[in-house]
Structure formats: C-alpha cells, structure tokens
C-alpha atoms as a PDB file:
ATOM      1  CA  MET A   1     132.266 113.620 158.030  1.00  0.00           C
ATOM      2  CA  ALA A   2     133.566 110.940 161.236  1.00  0.00           C
ATOM      3  CA  THR A   3     132.023 111.282 164.519  1.00  0.00           C
ATOM      4  CA  VAL A   4     134.144 111.554 167.558  1.00  0.00           C
ATOM      5  CA  ASN A   5     132.440 110.107 171.182  1.00  0.00           C
ATOM      6  CA  PHE A   6     134.630 111.403 174.245  1.00  0.00           C
ATOM      7  CA  SER A   7     133.471 111.546 177.888  1.00  0.00           C
ATOM      8  CA  VAL A   8     133.528 114.952 179.431  1.00  0.00           C
ATOM      9  CA  PRO A   9     132.858 116.113 183.599  1.00  0.00           C
ATOM     10  CA  ASP A  10     129.360 116.829 184.267  1.00  0.00           C
ATOM     11  CA  ASP A  11     130.185 120.106 185.257  1.00  0.00           C
ATOM     12  CA  VAL A  12     132.167 120.930 181.954  1.00  0.00           C
ATOM     13  CA  LYS A  13     129.311 119.501 179.815  1.00  0.00           C
ATOM     14  CA  GLU A  14     126.503 121.776 181.840  1.00  0.00           C
ATOM     15  CA  ALA A  15     128.785 125.015 181.417  1.00  0.00           C
ATOM     16  CA  PHE A  16     129.374 124.156 177.776  1.00  0.00           C
ATOM     17  CA  ASN A  17     125.786 123.721 177.272  1.00  0.00           C
ATOM     18  CA  ALA A  18     124.982 127.449 179.418  1.00  0.00           C
ATOM     19  CA  THR A  19     127.205 128.914 177.101  1.00  0.00           C
ATOM     20  CA  PHE A  20     126.419 127.797 174.015  1.00  0.00           C
ATOM     21  CA  ARG A  21     123.081 127.466 173.771  1.00  0.00           C
ATOM     22  CA  GLY A  22     120.805 128.060 170.677  1.00  0.00           C
ATOM     23  CA  GLN A  23     124.500 127.066 168.776  1.00  0.00           C
ATOM     24  CA  ASN A  24     125.478 124.580 166.635  1.00  0.00           C
ATOM     25  CA  LYS A  25     127.136 122.309 169.685  1.00  0.00           C
ATOM     26  CA  SER A  26     129.082 120.300 166.385  1.00  0.00           C
ATOM     27  CA  ALA A  27     130.001 123.127 164.712  1.00  0.00           C
ATOM     28  CA  VAL A  28     131.627 124.259 168.123  1.00  0.00           C
ATOM     29  CA  ILE A  29     133.147 121.650 168.715  1.00  0.00           C
ATOM     30  CA  ALA A  30     134.938 121.452 165.700  1.00  0.00           C
ATOM     31  CA  GLU A  31     136.077 124.698 166.198  1.00  0.00           C
ATOM     32  CA  LEU A  32     137.838 124.258 169.489  1.00  0.00           C
ATOM     33  CA  MET A  33     139.167 121.442 168.121  1.00  0.00           C
ATOM     34  CA  ARG A  34     140.939 122.983 165.356  1.00  0.00           C
ATOM     35  CA  GLU A  35     142.055 126.233 167.282  1.00  0.00           C
ATOM     36  CA  ALA A  36     143.785 123.275 169.661  1.00  0.00           C
ATOM     37  CA  VAL A  37     145.343 121.661 166.556  1.00  0.00           C
ATOM     38  CA  GLU A  38     146.957 124.533 165.706  1.00  0.00           C
ATOM     39  CA  GLN A  39     148.262 125.743 169.127  1.00  0.00           C
ATOM     40  CA  ALA A  40     149.712 122.619 170.008  1.00  0.00           C
ATOM     41  CA  ARG A  41     151.622 122.595 166.463  1.00  0.00           C
ATOM     42  CA  ARG A  42     152.589 126.042 167.028  1.00  0.00           C
ATOM     43  CA  ARG A  43     154.115 124.663 170.589  1.00  0.00           C
ATOM     44  CA  GLN A  44     155.888 121.737 168.736  1.00  0.00           C
ATOM     45  CA  ARG A  45     157.151 124.433 166.301  1.00  0.00           C
ATOM     46  CA  SER A  46     158.417 127.068 169.291  1.00  0.00           C
ATOM     47  CA  HIS A  47     159.788 123.649 170.895  1.00  0.00           C
ATOM     48  CA  GLU A  48     161.864 122.528 167.615  1.00  0.00           C
ATOM     49  CA  ALA A  49     162.613 126.061 167.534  1.00  0.00           C
ATOM     50  CA  ILE A  50     164.394 126.577 170.424  1.00  0.00           C
ATOM     51  CA  GLY A  51     165.935 123.381 169.763  1.00  0.00           C
ATOM     52  CA  ARG A  52     167.598 124.691 167.122  1.00  0.00           C
ATOM     53  CA  ILE A  53     168.981 127.895 168.868  1.00  0.00           C
ATOM     54  CA  LEU A  54     170.393 125.752 171.734  1.00  0.00           C
ATOM     55  CA  GLU A  55     171.967 123.376 169.655  1.00  0.00           C
ATOM     56  CA  ARG A  56     173.510 126.691 167.705  1.00  0.00           C
ATOM     57  CA  ARG A  57     174.654 128.274 170.421  1.00  0.00           C
ATOM     58  CA  GLN A  58     176.445 125.140 172.041  1.00  0.00           C
ATOM     59  CA  HIS A  59     178.811 125.576 168.422  1.00  0.00           C
ATOM     60  CA  ALA A  60     178.702 129.428 168.580  1.00  0.00           C
ATOM     61  CA  PRO A  61     182.639 131.338 169.229  1.00  0.00           C
ATOM     62  CA  ILE A  62     182.684 132.196 172.858  1.00  0.00           C
ATOM     63  CA  LEU A  63     182.870 135.516 173.321  1.00  0.00           C
ATOM     64  CA  SER A  64     184.344 138.052 176.027  1.00  0.00           C
ATOM     65  CA  GLU A  65     182.899 141.404 177.428  1.00  0.00           C
ATOM     66  CA  SER A  66     185.314 143.579 176.114  1.00  0.00           C
ATOM     67  CA  ASP A  67     184.725 141.672 172.190  1.00  0.00           C
ATOM     68  CA  LEU A  68     181.222 141.926 172.704  1.00  0.00           C
ATOM     69  CA  GLN A  69     181.449 146.105 173.822  1.00  0.00           C
ATOM     70  CA  LYS A  70     183.773 146.191 170.415  1.00  0.00           C
ATOM     71  CA  ALA A  71     181.164 144.801 168.356  1.00  0.00           C
ATOM     72  CA  ARG A  72     178.192 146.457 169.744  1.00  0.00           C
ATOM     73  CA  GLU A  73     180.823 150.032 169.206  1.00  0.00           C
ATOM     74  CA  THR A  74     181.569 149.018 165.597  1.00  0.00           C
ATOM     75  CA  GLU A  75     178.024 148.069 164.503  1.00  0.00           C
ATOM     76  CA  ARG A  76     176.412 151.466 165.737  1.00  0.00           C
ATOM     77  CA  PRO A  77     176.228 154.131 163.145  1.00  0.00           C
END
C-alpha cells in the first residue's frame, strides 16, 4: 500500500476531521480518491463522446426544414 502526503488548508482539515470523527480517515480518503478518479474518467468519456458526435455532425447531410418534416411524418405510425 502506498503513502500519499499532501497539504490542505487548515479549514478543510478541520472540517474533514470533524465530519469523519471516529472513522478510519485513510479509508475515507481512499474512497474519496476512488470517487474522484471515476468522476474524472466519466468526464473524459463524456468529452470524447461529445467530440465524436460533433465530428459526425460535420459530415452529416444538411436537410431542409421540409425534409425534416417529411421524415417525421413518414417515420410515425
């Protein structure tokens, strides 16, 4: 298991200690780090998906409003 050392503002440390009093703070920090990593990965996947969508839109055919209306009408049961 690795050891991580970092500095935080005093008010954050005090709030953390008060909030998680009586809990295994190493376990709490590890869980918070896991959540932060997963959030960052989700954000990255989201940005990549948006990039792919925008790239595809550049190559999509341009349809007029009447073309869109016809497509809506023919695709509905």
